[in-house]
Structures are given as structure tokens and as C-alpha cells.
Amino acid sequence: MLIQAQEIDPEAVADVLREHDAARAPDARLQATADQDVERVLPRIKPGPEQSSG
């Protein structure tokens, strides 16, 4: 269901996740587990080739 929501409105999903995380203490989850969850749910942004402005 999360993947479907991500496809429909990724910004709304991000807002809900931020609100959820804001309600928890910073150390409420293991960082490795949190990072793994993010990698699984959100696409990684890959930088493209640098473009010169000249």
C-alpha cells in the first residue's frame, strides 16, 4: 500500500513520514534500520553529469 501511495502522491507520503518521525524521540529507532527503510521506500537520487555554465 505504501508503494501505491508513493506512486500517487510522493510528497504527501514524505509529509506523513516526517510528521510520524517528528513525534518520536531522535533515538527511538536504530539508525541502520531507519536507513534501510528509506532505501527500500524512496528512490535514490543519482546525480547526472555536471553541466558547465559557460
PDB file of N, CA and C in Angstrom:
ATOM      1  N   MET A   1       0.826  -1.185   0.000  1.00  0.00           N
ATOM      2  CA  MET A   1       0.000   0.000   0.000  1.00  0.00           C
ATOM      3  C   MET A   1       0.878   1.259   0.000  1.00  0.00           C
ATOM      4  N   LEU A   2       2.000   1.200   0.688  1.00  0.00           N
ATOM      5  CA  LEU A   2       2.895   2.354   0.725  1.00  0.00           C
ATOM      6  C   LEU A   2       3.432   2.671  -0.671  1.00  0.00           C
ATOM      7  N   ILE A   3       3.734   1.640  -1.424  1.00  0.00           N
ATOM      8  CA  ILE A   3       4.250   1.853  -2.781  1.00  0.00           C
ATOM      9  C   ILE A   3       3.188   2.521  -3.650  1.00  0.00           C
ATOM     10  N   GLN A   4       1.937   2.105  -3.511  1.00  0.00           N
ATOM     11  CA  GLN A   4       0.856   2.732  -4.267  1.00  0.00           C
ATOM     12  C   GLN A   4       0.708   4.200  -3.887  1.00  0.00           C
ATOM     13  N   ALA A   5       0.766   4.483  -2.600  1.00  0.00           N
ATOM     14  CA  ALA A   5       0.674   5.869  -2.147  1.00  0.00           C
ATOM     15  C   ALA A   5       1.838   6.687  -2.685  1.00  0.00           C
ATOM     16  N   GLN A   6       3.016   6.091  -2.697  1.00  0.00           N
ATOM     17  CA  GLN A   6       4.222   6.757  -3.209  1.00  0.00           C
ATOM     18  C   GLN A   6       4.050   7.097  -4.689  1.00  0.00           C
ATOM     19  N   GLU A   7       3.417   6.203  -5.451  1.00  0.00           N
ATOM     20  CA  GLU A   7       3.198   6.450  -6.875  1.00  0.00           C
ATOM     21  C   GLU A   7       2.146   7.541  -7.097  1.00  0.00           C
ATOM     22  N   ILE A   8       1.138   7.594  -6.238  1.00  0.00           N
ATOM     23  CA  ILE A   8       0.047   8.561  -6.398  1.00  0.00           C
ATOM     24  C   ILE A   8       0.484   9.960  -5.976  1.00  0.00           C
ATOM     25  N   ASP A   9       1.081  10.069  -4.785  1.00  0.00           N
ATOM     26  CA  ASP A   9       1.459  11.390  -4.267  1.00  0.00           C
ATOM     27  C   ASP A   9       2.681  11.267  -3.357  1.00  0.00           C
ATOM     28  N   PRO A  10       3.873  11.213  -3.955  1.00  0.00           N
ATOM     29  CA  PRO A  10       5.082  11.008  -3.153  1.00  0.00           C
ATOM     30  C   PRO A  10       5.327  12.106  -2.121  1.00  0.00           C
ATOM     31  N   GLU A  11       4.936  13.337  -2.423  1.00  0.00           N
ATOM     32  CA  GLU A  11       5.158  14.430  -1.468  1.00  0.00           C
ATOM     33  C   GLU A  11       4.284  14.267  -0.229  1.00  0.00           C
ATOM     34  N   ALA A  12       3.049  13.813  -0.429  1.00  0.00           N
ATOM     35  CA  ALA A  12       2.151  13.585   0.713  1.00  0.00           C
ATOM     36  C   ALA A  12       2.697  12.459   1.592  1.00  0.00           C
ATOM     37  N   VAL A  13       3.232  11.421   0.977  1.00  0.00           N
ATOM     38  CA  VAL A  13       3.825  10.319   1.746  1.00  0.00           C
ATOM     39  C   VAL A  13       5.010  10.845   2.553  1.00  0.00           C
ATOM     40  N   ALA A  14       5.849  11.648   1.931  1.00  0.00           N
ATOM     41  CA  ALA A  14       7.012  12.211   2.629  1.00  0.00           C
ATOM     42  C   ALA A  14       6.559  13.073   3.812  1.00  0.00           C
ATOM     43  N   ASP A  15       5.498  13.865   3.619  1.00  0.00           N
ATOM     44  CA  ASP A  15       4.982  14.698   4.712  1.00  0.00           C
ATOM     45  C   ASP A  15       4.512  13.845   5.886  1.00  0.00           C
ATOM     46  N   VAL A  16       3.780  12.775   5.585  1.00  0.00           N
ATOM     47  CA  VAL A  16       3.279  11.896   6.648  1.00  0.00           C
ATOM     48  C   VAL A  16       4.438  11.248   7.386  1.00  0.00           C
ATOM     49  N   LEU A  17       5.441  10.788   6.652  1.00  0.00           N
ATOM     50  CA  LEU A  17       6.601  10.154   7.299  1.00  0.00           C
ATOM     51  C   LEU A  17       7.357  11.152   8.172  1.00  0.00           C
ATOM     52  N   ARG A  18       7.492  12.394   7.704  1.00  0.00           N
ATOM     53  CA  ARG A  18       8.169  13.417   8.515  1.00  0.00           C
ATOM     54  C   ARG A  18       7.390  13.690   9.796  1.00  0.00           C
ATOM     55  N   GLU A  19       6.061  13.802   9.692  1.00  0.00           N
ATOM     56  CA  GLU A  19       5.239  14.042  10.877  1.00  0.00           C
ATOM     57  C   GLU A  19       5.351  12.870  11.850  1.00  0.00           C
ATOM     58  N   HIS A  20       5.335  11.674  11.312  1.00  0.00           N
ATOM     59  CA  HIS A  20       5.453  10.470  12.150  1.00  0.00           C
ATOM     60  C   HIS A  20       6.787  10.466  12.884  1.00  0.00           C
ATOM     61  N   ASP A  21       7.868  10.741  12.155  1.00  0.00           N
ATOM     62  CA  ASP A  21       9.191  10.737  12.762  1.00  0.00           C
ATOM     63  C   ASP A  21       9.356  11.875  13.757  1.00  0.00           C
ATOM     64  N   ALA A  22       8.707  13.014  13.508  1.00  0.00           N
ATOM     65  CA  ALA A  22       8.822  14.165  14.410  1.00  0.00           C
ATOM     66  C   ALA A  22       8.194  13.862  15.765  1.00  0.00           C
ATOM     67  N   ALA A  23       7.252  12.943  15.800  1.00  0.00           N
ATOM     68  CA  ALA A  23       6.579  12.597  17.053  1.00  0.00           C
ATOM     69  C   ALA A  23       7.393  11.617  17.892  1.00  0.00           C
ATOM     70  N   ARG A  24       8.484  11.131  17.361  1.00  0.00           N
ATOM     71  CA  ARG A  24       9.322  10.161  18.076  1.00  0.00           C
ATOM     72  C   ARG A  24      10.618  10.819  18.541  1.00  0.00           C
ATOM     73  N   ALA A  25      11.161  10.273  19.580  1.00  0.00           N
ATOM     74  CA  ALA A  25      12.466  10.740  20.046  1.00  0.00           C
ATOM     75  C   ALA A  25      13.507  10.418  18.975  1.00  0.00           C
ATOM     76  N   PRO A  26      14.536  11.254  18.839  1.00  0.00           N
ATOM     77  CA  PRO A  26      15.536  11.017  17.796  1.00  0.00           C
ATOM     78  C   PRO A  26      16.186   9.634  17.867  1.00  0.00           C
ATOM     79  N   ASP A  27      16.302   9.074  19.061  1.00  0.00           N
ATOM     80  CA  ASP A  27      16.959   7.774  19.181  1.00  0.00           C
ATOM     81  C   ASP A  27      15.951   6.630  19.324  1.00  0.00           C
ATOM     82  N   ALA A  28      14.709   6.863  18.902  1.00  0.00           N
ATOM     83  CA  ALA A  28      13.667   5.854  19.074  1.00  0.00           C
ATOM     84  C   ALA A  28      13.867   4.650  18.159  1.00  0.00           C
ATOM     85  N   ARG A  29      14.579   4.811  17.068  1.00  0.00           N
ATOM     86  CA  ARG A  29      14.841   3.711  16.144  1.00  0.00           C
ATOM     87  C   ARG A  29      16.334   3.580  15.920  1.00  0.00           C
ATOM     88  N   LEU A  30      16.752   2.389  15.607  1.00  0.00           N
ATOM     89  CA  LEU A  30      18.137   2.188  15.220  1.00  0.00           C
ATOM     90  C   LEU A  30      18.363   2.856  13.864  1.00  0.00           C
ATOM     91  N   GLN A  31      19.439   3.608  13.746  1.00  0.00           N
ATOM     92  CA  GLN A  31      19.685   4.350  12.510  1.00  0.00           C
ATOM     93  C   GLN A  31      19.826   3.423  11.311  1.00  0.00           C
ATOM     94  N   ALA A  32      20.483   2.288  11.480  1.00  0.00           N
ATOM     95  CA  ALA A  32      20.661   1.361  10.362  1.00  0.00           C
ATOM     96  C   ALA A  32      19.316   0.862   9.845  1.00  0.00           C
ATOM     97  N   THR A  33      18.392   0.588  10.759  1.00  0.00           N
ATOM     98  CA  THR A  33      17.061   0.134  10.359  1.00  0.00           C
ATOM     99  C   THR A  33      16.317   1.251   9.654  1.00  0.00           C
ATOM    100  N   ALA A  34      16.399   2.458  10.177  1.00  0.00           N
ATOM    101  CA  ALA A  34      15.737   3.593   9.545  1.00  0.00           C
ATOM    102  C   ALA A  34      16.300   3.831   8.149  1.00  0.00           C
ATOM    103  N   ASP A  35      17.610   3.764   7.999  1.00  0.00           N
ATOM    104  CA  ASP A  35      18.235   3.962   6.687  1.00  0.00           C
ATOM    105  C   ASP A  35      17.788   2.887   5.705  1.00  0.00           C
ATOM    106  N   GLN A  36      17.697   1.660   6.180  1.00  0.00           N
ATOM    107  CA  GLN A  36      17.267   0.557   5.327  1.00  0.00           C
ATOM    108  C   GLN A  36      15.828   0.784   4.857  1.00  0.00           C
ATOM    109  N   ASP A  37      14.961   1.248   5.748  1.00  0.00           N
ATOM    110  CA  ASP A  37      13.576   1.527   5.382  1.00  0.00           C
ATOM    111  C   ASP A  37      13.503   2.615   4.314  1.00  0.00           C
ATOM    112  N   VAL A  38      14.284   3.657   4.467  1.00  0.00           N
ATOM    113  CA  VAL A  38      14.282   4.748   3.500  1.00  0.00           C
ATOM    114  C   VAL A  38      14.761   4.247   2.141  1.00  0.00           C
ATOM    115  N   GLU A  39      15.832   3.453   2.130  1.00  0.00           N
ATOM    116  CA  GLU A  39      16.355   2.913   0.872  1.00  0.00           C
ATOM    117  C   GLU A  39      15.309   2.057   0.169  1.00  0.00           C
ATOM    118  N   ARG A  40      14.508   1.338   0.936  1.00  0.00           N
ATOM    119  CA  ARG A  40      13.512   0.445   0.365  1.00  0.00           C
ATOM    120  C   ARG A  40      12.333   1.229  -0.205  1.00  0.00           C
ATOM    121  N   VAL A  41      11.968   2.342   0.408  1.00  0.00           N
ATOM    122  CA  VAL A  41      10.745   3.064   0.048  1.00  0.00           C
ATOM    123  C   VAL A  41      10.992   4.189  -0.952  1.00  0.00           C
ATOM    124  N   LEU A  42      12.018   4.961  -0.733  1.00  0.00           N
ATOM    125  CA  LEU A  42      12.254   6.136  -1.566  1.00  0.00           C
ATOM    126  C   LEU A  42      13.343   5.877  -2.601  1.00  0.00           C
ATOM    127  N   PRO A  43      13.148   6.360  -3.815  1.00  0.00           N
ATOM    128  CA  PRO A  43      14.188   6.164  -4.838  1.00  0.00           C
ATOM    129  C   PRO A  43      15.419   7.001  -4.518  1.00  0.00           C
ATOM    130  N   ARG A  44      16.564   6.445  -4.793  1.00  0.00           N
ATOM    131  CA  ARG A  44      17.823   7.168  -4.571  1.00  0.00           C
ATOM    132  C   ARG A  44      18.004   8.181  -5.692  1.00  0.00           C
ATOM    133  N   ILE A  45      18.398   9.385  -5.330  1.00  0.00           N
ATOM    134  CA  ILE A  45      18.665  10.426  -6.322  1.00  0.00           C
ATOM    135  C   ILE A  45      20.096  10.262  -6.795  1.00  0.00           C
ATOM    136  N   LYS A  46      20.229  10.078  -8.098  1.00  0.00           N
ATOM    137  CA  LYS A  46      21.559   9.887  -8.678  1.00  0.00           C
ATOM    138  C   LYS A  46      21.927  11.146  -9.462  1.00  0.00           C
ATOM    139  N   PRO A  47      23.054  11.758  -9.118  1.00  0.00           N
ATOM    140  CA  PRO A  47      23.447  12.984  -9.832  1.00  0.00           C
ATOM    141  C   PRO A  47      23.786  12.677 -11.282  1.00  0.00           C
ATOM    142  N   GLY A  48      23.400  13.601 -12.143  1.00  0.00           N
ATOM    143  CA  GLY A  48      23.711  13.469 -13.555  1.00  0.00           C
ATOM    144  C   GLY A  48      25.056  14.101 -13.835  1.00  0.00           C
ATOM    145  N   PRO A  49      25.422  14.105 -15.087  1.00  0.00           N
ATOM    146  CA  PRO A  49      26.714  14.736 -15.447  1.00  0.00           C
ATOM    147  C   PRO A  49      26.685  16.224 -15.141  1.00  0.00           C
ATOM    148  N   GLU A  50      27.821  16.728 -14.719  1.00  0.00           N
ATOM    149  CA  GLU A  50      27.911  18.165 -14.438  1.00  0.00           C
ATOM    150  C   GLU A  50      27.799  18.938 -15.734  1.00  0.00           C
ATOM    151  N   GLN A  51      27.121  20.056 -15.653  1.00  0.00           N
ATOM    152  CA  GLN A  51      26.975  20.893 -16.837  1.00  0.00           C
ATOM    153  C   GLN A  51      27.652  22.223 -16.598  1.00  0.00           C
ATOM    154  N   SER A  52      28.468  22.619 -17.533  1.00  0.00           N
ATOM    155  CA  SER A  52      29.157  23.898 -17.372  1.00  0.00           C
ATOM    156  C   SER A  52      28.227  25.024 -17.818  1.00  0.00           C
ATOM    157  N   SER A  53      28.362  26.145 -17.157  1.00  0.00           N
ATOM    158  CA  SER A  53      27.506  27.302 -17.477  1.00  0.00           C
ATOM    159  C   SER A  53      28.278  28.334 -18.278  1.00  0.00           C
ATOM    160  N   GLY A  54      29.146  27.869 -19.127  1.00  0.00           N
ATOM    161  CA  GLY A  54      29.970  28.845 -19.774  1.00  0.00           C
ATOM    162  C   GLY A  54      30.031  28.711 -21.190  1.00  0.00           C
TER     163      GLY A  54
END
